[in-house]
Amino acid sequence: MLPKHRIPTHPGIILQKEFLDPLGITQVALAKHIGVSTQRINELIRGKRGVTSEIAWLLSQAFDATPEFWVSLQTNYDLAINNPKIRIKKLKEVS
């Protein structure tokens, strides 16, 4: 069971560990295959860049995963990272 307060893994790490490494594919080879710069792939893998809808589509075509998979990974990560520290009261209906 995963801890409840664990920050989800960045999609770039999942790309490297679950897709590139098992297939023996380099960042350079992936970048060339999907038609983006190596820097863009490297920044994604290092967590310096997120998965955009364009990259989600390209990765879904290169690997056996949907674009929604990639976008969901990014959304879950972003929500965890950007969770505000303050809590506010719910708005009440105005009468």
PDB file of N, CA and C in Angstrom:
ATOM      1  N   MET A   1       0.839  -1.183   0.000  1.00  0.00           N
ATOM      2  CA  MET A   1       0.000   0.000   0.000  1.00  0.00           C
ATOM      3  C   MET A   1       0.884   1.247   0.000  1.00  0.00           C
ATOM      4  N   LEU A   2       0.544   2.211  -0.848  1.00  0.00           N
ATOM      5  CA  LEU A   2       1.317   3.440  -0.930  1.00  0.00           C
ATOM      6  C   LEU A   2       0.944   4.392   0.204  1.00  0.00           C
ATOM      7  N   PRO A   3       1.924   5.137   0.700  1.00  0.00           N
ATOM      8  CA  PRO A   3       1.615   6.135   1.717  1.00  0.00           C
ATOM      9  C   PRO A   3       0.662   7.188   1.145  1.00  0.00           C
ATOM     10  N   LYS A   4      -0.235   7.705   1.993  1.00  0.00           N
ATOM     11  CA  LYS A   4      -1.237   8.657   1.525  1.00  0.00           C
ATOM     12  C   LYS A   4      -0.647  10.016   1.189  1.00  0.00           C
ATOM     13  N   HIS A   5       0.425  10.400   1.822  1.00  0.00           N
ATOM     14  CA  HIS A   5       0.977  11.731   1.618  1.00  0.00           C
ATOM     15  C   HIS A   5       2.225  11.715   0.729  1.00  0.00           C
ATOM     16  N   ARG A   6       2.388  10.674  -0.020  1.00  0.00           N
ATOM     17  CA  ARG A   6       3.526  10.546  -0.922  1.00  0.00           C
ATOM     18  C   ARG A   6       3.279  11.356  -2.185  1.00  0.00           C
ATOM     19  N   ILE A   7       4.287  12.093  -2.618  1.00  0.00           N
ATOM     20  CA  ILE A   7       4.180  12.834  -3.871  1.00  0.00           C
ATOM     21  C   ILE A   7       4.328  11.837  -5.012  1.00  0.00           C
ATOM     22  N   PRO A   8       3.400  11.863  -5.975  1.00  0.00           N
ATOM     23  CA  PRO A   8       3.503  10.925  -7.098  1.00  0.00           C
ATOM     24  C   PRO A   8       4.827  11.103  -7.850  1.00  0.00           C
ATOM     25  N   THR A   9       5.259  10.047  -8.460  1.00  0.00           N
ATOM     26  CA  THR A   9       6.491  10.075  -9.243  1.00  0.00           C
ATOM     27  C   THR A   9       6.299  10.949 -10.474  1.00  0.00           C
ATOM     28  N   HIS A  10       7.302  11.756 -10.775  1.00  0.00           N
ATOM     29  CA  HIS A  10       7.239  12.618 -11.956  1.00  0.00           C
ATOM     30  C   HIS A  10       7.171  11.741 -13.203  1.00  0.00           C
ATOM     31  N   PRO A  11       6.360  12.134 -14.190  1.00  0.00           N
ATOM     32  CA  PRO A  11       6.237  11.307 -15.399  1.00  0.00           C
ATOM     33  C   PRO A  11       7.549  11.091 -16.146  1.00  0.00           C
ATOM     34  N   GLY A  12       8.489  12.001 -16.011  1.00  0.00           N
ATOM     35  CA  GLY A  12       9.784  11.817 -16.662  1.00  0.00           C
ATOM     36  C   GLY A  12      10.543  10.623 -16.105  1.00  0.00           C
ATOM     37  N   ILE A  13      10.434  10.424 -14.802  1.00  0.00           N
ATOM     38  CA  ILE A  13      11.086   9.265 -14.173  1.00  0.00           C
ATOM     39  C   ILE A  13      10.416   7.977 -14.647  1.00  0.00           C
ATOM     40  N   ILE A  14       9.096   8.009 -14.742  1.00  0.00           N
ATOM     41  CA  ILE A  14       8.371   6.831 -15.239  1.00  0.00           C
ATOM     42  C   ILE A  14       8.757   6.545 -16.684  1.00  0.00           C
ATOM     43  N   LEU A  15       8.869   7.593 -17.492  1.00  0.00           N
ATOM     44  CA  LEU A  15       9.306   7.422 -18.881  1.00  0.00           C
ATOM     45  C   LEU A  15      10.654   6.713 -18.935  1.00  0.00           C
ATOM     46  N   GLN A  16      11.601   7.167 -18.118  1.00  0.00           N
ATOM     47  CA  GLN A  16      12.944   6.579 -18.126  1.00  0.00           C
ATOM     48  C   GLN A  16      12.938   5.145 -17.596  1.00  0.00           C
ATOM     49  N   LYS A  17      12.367   4.952 -16.403  1.00  0.00           N
ATOM     50  CA  LYS A  17      12.471   3.656 -15.720  1.00  0.00           C
ATOM     51  C   LYS A  17      11.549   2.571 -16.273  1.00  0.00           C
ATOM     52  N   GLU A  18      10.373   2.959 -16.737  1.00  0.00           N
ATOM     53  CA  GLU A  18       9.383   1.965 -17.170  1.00  0.00           C
ATOM     54  C   GLU A  18       9.303   1.776 -18.687  1.00  0.00           C
ATOM     55  N   PHE A  19       9.851   2.730 -19.432  1.00  0.00           N
ATOM     56  CA  PHE A  19       9.743   2.636 -20.891  1.00  0.00           C
ATOM     57  C   PHE A  19      11.111   2.590 -21.567  1.00  0.00           C
ATOM     58  N   LEU A  20      11.947   3.590 -21.339  1.00  0.00           N
ATOM     59  CA  LEU A  20      13.233   3.638 -22.045  1.00  0.00           C
ATOM     60  C   LEU A  20      14.202   2.551 -21.583  1.00  0.00           C
ATOM     61  N   ASP A  21      14.424   2.465 -20.268  1.00  0.00           N
ATOM     62  CA  ASP A  21      15.395   1.483 -19.759  1.00  0.00           C
ATOM     63  C   ASP A  21      15.071   0.046 -20.171  1.00  0.00           C
ATOM     64  N   PRO A  22      13.818  -0.428 -19.971  1.00  0.00           N
ATOM     65  CA  PRO A  22      13.525  -1.814 -20.358  1.00  0.00           C
ATOM     66  C   PRO A  22      13.713  -2.095 -21.850  1.00  0.00           C
ATOM     67  N   LEU A  23      13.481  -1.076 -22.674  1.00  0.00           N
ATOM     68  CA  LEU A  23      13.625  -1.264 -24.121  1.00  0.00           C
ATOM     69  C   LEU A  23      15.032  -0.968 -24.621  1.00  0.00           C
ATOM     70  N   GLY A  24      15.886  -0.444 -23.730  1.00  0.00           N
ATOM     71  CA  GLY A  24      17.248  -0.112 -24.122  1.00  0.00           C
ATOM     72  C   GLY A  24      17.308   1.072 -25.078  1.00  0.00           C
ATOM     73  N   ILE A  25      16.365   1.992 -24.941  1.00  0.00           N
ATOM     74  CA  ILE A  25      16.296   3.164 -25.818  1.00  0.00           C
ATOM     75  C   ILE A  25      16.898   4.369 -25.106  1.00  0.00           C
ATOM     76  N   THR A  26      17.727   5.116 -25.810  1.00  0.00           N
ATOM     77  CA  THR A  26      18.337   6.311 -25.227  1.00  0.00           C
ATOM     78  C   THR A  26      17.395   7.509 -25.395  1.00  0.00           C
ATOM     79  N   GLN A  27      17.686   8.548 -24.626  1.00  0.00           N
ATOM     80  CA  GLN A  27      16.942   9.799 -24.758  1.00  0.00           C
ATOM     81  C   GLN A  27      17.108  10.363 -26.165  1.00  0.00           C
ATOM     82  N   VAL A  28      18.319  10.268 -26.686  1.00  0.00           N
ATOM     83  CA  VAL A  28      18.604  10.771 -28.034  1.00  0.00           C
ATOM     84  C   VAL A  28      17.763  10.021 -29.074  1.00  0.00           C
ATOM     85  N   ALA A  29      17.701   8.711 -28.954  1.00  0.00           N
ATOM     86  CA  ALA A  29      16.931   7.901 -29.900  1.00  0.00           C
ATOM     87  C   ALA A  29      15.438   8.220 -29.809  1.00  0.00           C
ATOM     88  N   LEU A  30      14.921   8.392 -28.587  1.00  0.00           N
ATOM     89  CA  LEU A  30      13.508   8.725 -28.428  1.00  0.00           C
ATOM     90  C   LEU A  30      13.213  10.089 -29.039  1.00  0.00           C
ATOM     91  N   ALA A  31      14.058  11.069 -28.739  1.00  0.00           N
ATOM     92  CA  ALA A  31      13.858  12.420 -29.271  1.00  0.00           C
ATOM     93  C   ALA A  31      13.817  12.399 -30.799  1.00  0.00           C
ATOM     94  N   LYS A  32      14.748  11.700 -31.378  1.00  0.00           N
ATOM     95  CA  LYS A  32      14.803  11.607 -32.845  1.00  0.00           C
ATOM     96  C   LYS A  32      13.558  10.906 -33.388  1.00  0.00           C
ATOM     97  N   HIS A  33      13.149   9.836 -32.720  1.00  0.00           N
ATOM     98  CA  HIS A  33      11.995   9.041 -33.168  1.00  0.00           C
ATOM     99  C   HIS A  33      10.701   9.848 -33.155  1.00  0.00           C
ATOM    100  N   ILE A  34      10.499  10.673 -32.120  1.00  0.00           N
ATOM    101  CA  ILE A  34       9.241  11.422 -32.024  1.00  0.00           C
ATOM    102  C   ILE A  34       9.352  12.850 -32.560  1.00  0.00           C
ATOM    103  N   GLY A  35      10.552  13.244 -32.994  1.00  0.00           N
ATOM    104  CA  GLY A  35      10.725  14.526 -33.655  1.00  0.00           C
ATOM    105  C   GLY A  35      10.791  15.738 -32.750  1.00  0.00           C
ATOM    106  N   VAL A  36      11.389  15.560 -31.567  1.00  0.00           N
ATOM    107  CA  VAL A  36      11.599  16.695 -30.660  1.00  0.00           C
ATOM    108  C   VAL A  36      13.079  16.756 -30.299  1.00  0.00           C
ATOM    109  N   SER A  37      13.481  17.828 -29.638  1.00  0.00           N
ATOM    110  CA  SER A  37      14.890  17.965 -29.279  1.00  0.00           C
ATOM    111  C   SER A  37      15.254  17.023 -28.133  1.00  0.00           C
ATOM    112  N   THR A  38      16.510  16.637 -28.124  1.00  0.00           N
ATOM    113  CA  THR A  38      17.021  15.816 -27.031  1.00  0.00           C
ATOM    114  C   THR A  38      16.916  16.580 -25.718  1.00  0.00           C
ATOM    115  N   GLN A  39      17.141  17.878 -25.774  1.00  0.00           N
ATOM    116  CA  GLN A  39      17.040  18.707 -24.566  1.00  0.00           C
ATOM    117  C   GLN A  39      15.637  18.622 -23.965  1.00  0.00           C
ATOM    118  N   ARG A  40      14.630  18.622 -24.814  1.00  0.00           N
ATOM    119  CA  ARG A  40      13.248  18.544 -24.324  1.00  0.00           C
ATOM    120  C   ARG A  40      12.999  17.234 -23.585  1.00  0.00           C
ATOM    121  N   ILE A  41      13.472  16.133 -24.149  1.00  0.00           N
ATOM    122  CA  ILE A  41      13.319  14.822 -23.494  1.00  0.00           C
ATOM    123  C   ILE A  41      14.132  14.785 -22.211  1.00  0.00           C
ATOM    124  N   ASN A  42      15.360  15.291 -22.248  1.00  0.00           N
ATOM    125  CA  ASN A  42      16.220  15.285 -21.067  1.00  0.00           C
ATOM    126  C   ASN A  42      15.599  16.102 -19.932  1.00  0.00           C
ATOM    127  N   GLU A  43      15.054  17.260 -20.249  1.00  0.00           N
ATOM    128  CA  GLU A  43      14.422  18.094 -19.226  1.00  0.00           C
ATOM    129  C   GLU A  43      13.175  17.427 -18.654  1.00  0.00           C
ATOM    130  N   LEU A  44      12.442  16.704 -19.481  1.00  0.00           N
ATOM    131  CA  LEU A  44      11.281  15.958 -18.998  1.00  0.00           C
ATOM    132  C   LEU A  44      11.725  14.875 -18.029  1.00  0.00           C
ATOM    133  N   ILE A  45      12.726  14.127 -18.402  1.00  0.00           N
ATOM    134  CA  ILE A  45      13.203  13.034 -17.561  1.00  0.00           C
ATOM    135  C   ILE A  45      13.795  13.551 -16.251  1.00  0.00           C
ATOM    136  N   ARG A  46      14.448  14.707 -16.288  1.00  0.00           N
ATOM    137  CA  ARG A  46      15.023  15.289 -15.078  1.00  0.00           C
ATOM    138  C   ARG A  46      13.996  16.037 -14.232  1.00  0.00           C
ATOM    139  N   GLY A  47      12.747  16.093 -14.677  1.00  0.00           N
ATOM    140  CA  GLY A  47      11.696  16.770 -13.917  1.00  0.00           C
ATOM    141  C   GLY A  47      11.715  18.273 -14.059  1.00  0.00           C
ATOM    142  N   LYS A  48      12.446  18.783 -15.026  1.00  0.00           N
ATOM    143  CA  LYS A  48      12.532  20.230 -15.254  1.00  0.00           C
ATOM    144  C   LYS A  48      11.440  20.709 -16.210  1.00  0.00           C
ATOM    145  N   ARG A  49      10.765  19.778 -16.819  1.00  0.00           N
ATOM    146  CA  ARG A  49       9.704  20.077 -17.786  1.00  0.00           C
ATOM    147  C   ARG A  49       8.593  19.067 -17.570  1.00  0.00           C
ATOM    148  N   GLY A  50       7.372  19.482 -17.839  1.00  0.00           N
ATOM    149  CA  GLY A  50       6.236  18.583 -17.686  1.00  0.00           C
ATOM    150  C   GLY A  50       5.783  17.998 -19.007  1.00  0.00           C
ATOM    151  N   VAL A  51       4.851  17.086 -18.914  1.00  0.00           N
ATOM    152  CA  VAL A  51       4.254  16.473 -20.094  1.00  0.00           C
ATOM    153  C   VAL A  51       3.176  17.415 -20.617  1.00  0.00           C
ATOM    154  N   THR A  52       3.344  17.893 -21.822  1.00  0.00           N
ATOM    155  CA  THR A  52       2.331  18.706 -22.476  1.00  0.00           C
ATOM    156  C   THR A  52       1.394  17.784 -23.244  1.00  0.00           C
ATOM    157  N   SER A  53       0.292  18.320 -23.721  1.00  0.00           N
ATOM    158  CA  SER A  53      -0.622  17.489 -24.503  1.00  0.00           C
ATOM    159  C   SER A  53       0.057  16.993 -25.787  1.00  0.00           C
ATOM    160  N   GLU A  54       0.919  17.824 -26.372  1.00  0.00           N
ATOM    161  CA  GLU A  54       1.648  17.400 -27.577  1.00  0.00           C
ATOM    162  C   GLU A  54       2.569  16.216 -27.273  1.00  0.00           C
ATOM    163  N   ILE A  55       3.350  16.335 -26.209  1.00  0.00           N
ATOM    164  CA  ILE A  55       4.258  15.240 -25.837  1.00  0.00           C
ATOM    165  C   ILE A  55       3.466  13.995 -25.461  1.00  0.00           C
ATOM    166  N   ALA A  56       2.324  14.183 -24.793  1.00  0.00           N
ATOM    167  CA  ALA A  56       1.479  13.033 -24.430  1.00  0.00           C
ATOM    168  C   ALA A  56       1.059  12.267 -25.681  1.00  0.00           C
ATOM    169  N   TRP A  57       0.663  12.985 -26.720  1.00  0.00           N
ATOM    170  CA  TRP A  57       0.280  12.331 -27.970  1.00  0.00           C
ATOM    171  C   TRP A  57       1.467  11.621 -28.615  1.00  0.00           C
ATOM    172  N   LEU A  58       2.616  12.277 -28.639  1.00  0.00           N
ATOM    173  CA  LEU A  58       3.796  11.667 -29.256  1.00  0.00           C
ATOM    174  C   LEU A  58       4.233  10.413 -28.496  1.00  0.00           C
ATOM    175  N   LEU A  59       4.257  10.492 -27.161  1.00  0.00           N
ATOM    176  CA  LEU A  59       4.654   9.327 -26.357  1.00  0.00           C
ATOM    177  C   LEU A  59       3.647   8.194 -26.500  1.00  0.00           C
ATOM    178  N   SER A  60       2.364   8.541 -26.601  1.00  0.00           N
ATOM    179  CA  SER A  60       1.349   7.493 -26.742  1.00  0.00           C
ATOM    180  C   SER A  60       1.505   6.743 -28.061  1.00  0.00           C
ATOM    181  N   GLN A  61       1.973   7.446 -29.086  1.00  0.00           N
ATOM    182  CA  GLN A  61       2.190   6.794 -30.373  1.00  0.00           C
ATOM    183  C   GLN A  61       3.469   5.954 -30.370  1.00  0.00           C
ATOM    184  N   ALA A  62       4.454   6.373 -29.596  1.00  0.00           N
ATOM    185  CA  ALA A  62       5.732   5.658 -29.551  1.00  0.00           C
ATOM    186  C   ALA A  62       5.673   4.426 -28.646  1.00  0.00           C
ATOM    187  N   PHE A  63       4.842   4.497 -27.610  1.00  0.00           N
ATOM    188  CA  PHE A  63       4.751   3.405 -26.638  1.00  0.00           C
ATOM    189  C   PHE A  63       3.308   2.928 -26.544  1.00  0.00           C
ATOM    190  N   ASP A  64       3.117   1.804 -25.897  1.00  0.00           N
ATOM    191  CA  ASP A  64       1.772   1.251 -25.736  1.00  0.00           C
ATOM    192  C   ASP A  64       1.099   1.879 -24.515  1.00  0.00           C
ATOM    193  N   ALA A  65       0.766   3.164 -24.650  1.00  0.00           N
ATOM    194  CA  ALA A  65       0.085   3.894 -23.582  1.00  0.00           C
ATOM    195  C   ALA A  65      -0.731   5.008 -24.235  1.00  0.00           C
ATOM    196  N   THR A  66      -1.809   5.385 -23.607  1.00  0.00           N
ATOM    197  CA  THR A  66      -2.671   6.423 -24.173  1.00  0.00           C
ATOM    198  C   THR A  66      -2.144   7.813 -23.814  1.00  0.00           C
ATOM    199  N   PRO A  67      -2.570   8.849 -24.539  1.00  0.00           N
ATOM    200  CA  PRO A  67      -2.187  10.203 -24.149  1.00  0.00           C
ATOM    201  C   PRO A  67      -2.753  10.557 -22.771  1.00  0.00           C
ATOM    202  N   GLU A  68      -3.914  10.001 -22.468  1.00  0.00           N
ATOM    203  CA  GLU A  68      -4.524  10.246 -21.145  1.00  0.00           C
ATOM    204  C   GLU A  68      -3.647   9.714 -20.015  1.00  0.00           C
ATOM    205  N   PHE A  69      -2.972   8.598 -20.260  1.00  0.00           N
ATOM    206  CA  PHE A  69      -2.044   8.054 -19.265  1.00  0.00           C
ATOM    207  C   PHE A  69      -0.973   9.078 -18.914  1.00  0.00           C
ATOM    208  N   TRP A  70      -0.355   9.654 -19.945  1.00  0.00           N
ATOM    209  CA  TRP A  70       0.730  10.606 -19.719  1.00  0.00           C
ATOM    210  C   TRP A  70       0.229  11.896 -19.067  1.00  0.00           C
ATOM    211  N   VAL A  71      -0.916  12.390 -19.541  1.00  0.00           N
ATOM    212  CA  VAL A  71      -1.485  13.610 -18.969  1.00  0.00           C
ATOM    213  C   VAL A  71      -1.897  13.374 -17.515  1.00  0.00           C
ATOM    214  N   SER A  72      -2.443  12.206 -17.229  1.00  0.00           N
ATOM    215  CA  SER A  72      -2.848  11.876 -15.857  1.00  0.00           C
ATOM    216  C   SER A  72      -1.644  11.833 -14.920  1.00  0.00           C
ATOM    217  N   LEU A  73      -0.558  11.242 -15.372  1.00  0.00           N
ATOM    218  CA  LEU A  73       0.659  11.232 -14.555  1.00  0.00           C
ATOM    219  C   LEU A  73       1.088  12.654 -14.216  1.00  0.00           C
ATOM    220  N   GLN A  74       1.066  13.533 -15.220  1.00  0.00           N
ATOM    221  CA  GLN A  74       1.482  14.914 -15.005  1.00  0.00           C
ATOM    222  C   GLN A  74       0.504  15.647 -14.087  1.00  0.00           C
ATOM    223  N   THR A  75      -0.785  15.444 -14.293  1.00  0.00           N
ATOM    224  CA  THR A  75      -1.800  16.110 -13.472  1.00  0.00           C
ATOM    225  C   THR A  75      -1.680  15.689 -12.011  1.00  0.00           C
ATOM    226  N   ASN A  76      -1.532  14.397 -11.767  1.00  0.00           N
ATOM    227  CA  ASN A  76      -1.396  13.915 -10.388  1.00  0.00           C
ATOM    228  C   ASN A  76      -0.162  14.506  -9.717  1.00  0.00           C
ATOM    229  N   TYR A  77       0.923  14.582 -10.448  1.00  0.00           N
ATOM    230  CA  TYR A  77       2.158  15.164  -9.914  1.00  0.00           C
ATOM    231  C   TYR A  77       1.953  16.648  -9.609  1.00  0.00           C
ATOM    232  N   ASP A  78       1.387  17.386 -10.573  1.00  0.00           N
ATOM    233  CA  ASP A  78       1.166  18.826 -10.395  1.00  0.00           C
ATOM    234  C   ASP A  78       0.245  19.118  -9.216  1.00  0.00           C
ATOM    235  N   LEU A  79      -0.826  18.348  -9.076  1.00  0.00           N
ATOM    236  CA  LEU A  79      -1.749  18.567  -7.964  1.00  0.00           C
ATOM    237  C   LEU A  79      -1.064  18.348  -6.621  1.00  0.00           C
ATOM    238  N   ALA A  80      -0.226  17.339  -6.529  1.00  0.00           N
ATOM    239  CA  ALA A  80       0.478  17.066  -5.269  1.00  0.00           C
ATOM    240  C   ALA A  80       1.493  18.160  -4.954  1.00  0.00           C
ATOM    241  N   ILE A  81       2.222  18.603  -5.952  1.00  0.00           N
ATOM    242  CA  ILE A  81       3.256  19.618  -5.757  1.00  0.00           C
ATOM    243  C   ILE A  81       2.651  20.979  -5.413  1.00  0.00           C
ATOM    244  N   ASN A  82       1.509  21.292  -6.007  1.00  0.00           N
ATOM    245  CA  ASN A  82       0.912  22.617  -5.855  1.00  0.00           C
ATOM    246  C   ASN A  82      -0.234  22.673  -4.848  1.00  0.00           C
ATOM    247  N   ASN A  83      -0.324  21.669  -3.995  1.00  0.00           N
ATOM    248  CA  ASN A  83      -1.358  21.655  -2.965  1.00  0.00           C
ATOM    249  C   ASN A  83      -1.090  22.801  -1.991  1.00  0.00           C
ATOM    250  N   PRO A  84      -2.031  23.755  -1.869  1.00  0.00           N
ATOM    251  CA  PRO A  84      -1.773  24.888  -0.978  1.00  0.00           C
ATOM    252  C   PRO A  84      -1.663  24.456   0.483  1.00  0.00           C
ATOM    253  N   LYS A  85      -0.818  25.140   1.202  1.00  0.00           N
ATOM    254  CA  LYS A  85      -0.605  24.821   2.619  1.00  0.00           C
ATOM    255  C   LYS A  85      -1.739  25.339   3.489  1.00  0.00           C
ATOM    256  N   ILE A  86      -2.407  26.391   3.023  1.00  0.00           N
ATOM    257  CA  ILE A  86      -3.502  26.954   3.812  1.00  0.00           C
ATOM    258  C   ILE A  86      -4.810  26.264   3.452  1.00  0.00           C
ATOM    259  N   ARG A  87      -5.733  26.260   4.376  1.00  0.00           N
ATOM    260  CA  ARG A  87      -7.064  25.712   4.144  1.00  0.00           C
ATOM    261  C   ARG A  87      -8.061  26.847   4.313  1.00  0.00           C
ATOM    262  N   ILE A  88      -9.039  26.868   3.437  1.00  0.00           N
ATOM    263  CA  ILE A  88     -10.055  27.903   3.525  1.00  0.00           C
ATOM    264  C   ILE A  88     -11.414  27.262   3.769  1.00  0.00           C
ATOM    265  N   LYS A  89     -12.324  28.041   4.315  1.00  0.00           N
ATOM    266  CA  LYS A  89     -13.679  27.554   4.569  1.00  0.00           C
ATOM    267  C   LYS A  89     -14.444  27.505   3.256  1.00  0.00           C
ATOM    268  N   LYS A  90     -15.407  26.621   3.186  1.00  0.00           N
ATOM    269  CA  LYS A  90     -16.259  26.532   2.018  1.00  0.00           C
ATOM    270  C   LYS A  90     -17.174  27.755   1.977  1.00  0.00           C
ATOM    271  N   LEU A  91     -17.470  28.197   0.774  1.00  0.00           N
ATOM    272  CA  LEU A  91     -18.436  29.285   0.611  1.00  0.00           C
ATOM    273  C   LEU A  91     -19.827  28.784   0.940  1.00  0.00           C
ATOM    274  N   LYS A  92     -20.587  29.636   1.593  1.00  0.00           N
ATOM    275  CA  LYS A  92     -21.970  29.273   1.908  1.00  0.00           C
ATOM    276  C   LYS A  92     -22.874  29.941   0.890  1.00  0.00           C
ATOM    277  N   GLU A  93     -23.979  29.300   0.668  1.00  0.00           N
ATOM    278  CA  GLU A  93     -24.939  29.849  -0.285  1.00  0.00           C
ATOM    279  C   GLU A  93     -25.419  31.212   0.192  1.00  0.00           C
ATOM    280  N   VAL A  94     -25.440  32.171  -0.727  1.00  0.00           N
ATOM    281  CA  VAL A  94     -25.900  33.519  -0.400  1.00  0.00           C
ATOM    282  C   VAL A  94     -27.416  33.545  -0.520  1.00  0.00           C
ATOM    283  N   SER A  95     -28.073  34.043   0.532  1.00  0.00           N
ATOM    284  CA  SER A  95     -29.542  34.083   0.472  1.00  0.00           C
ATOM    285  C   SER A  95     -30.061  35.473   0.278  1.00  0.00           C
TER     286      SER A  95
END
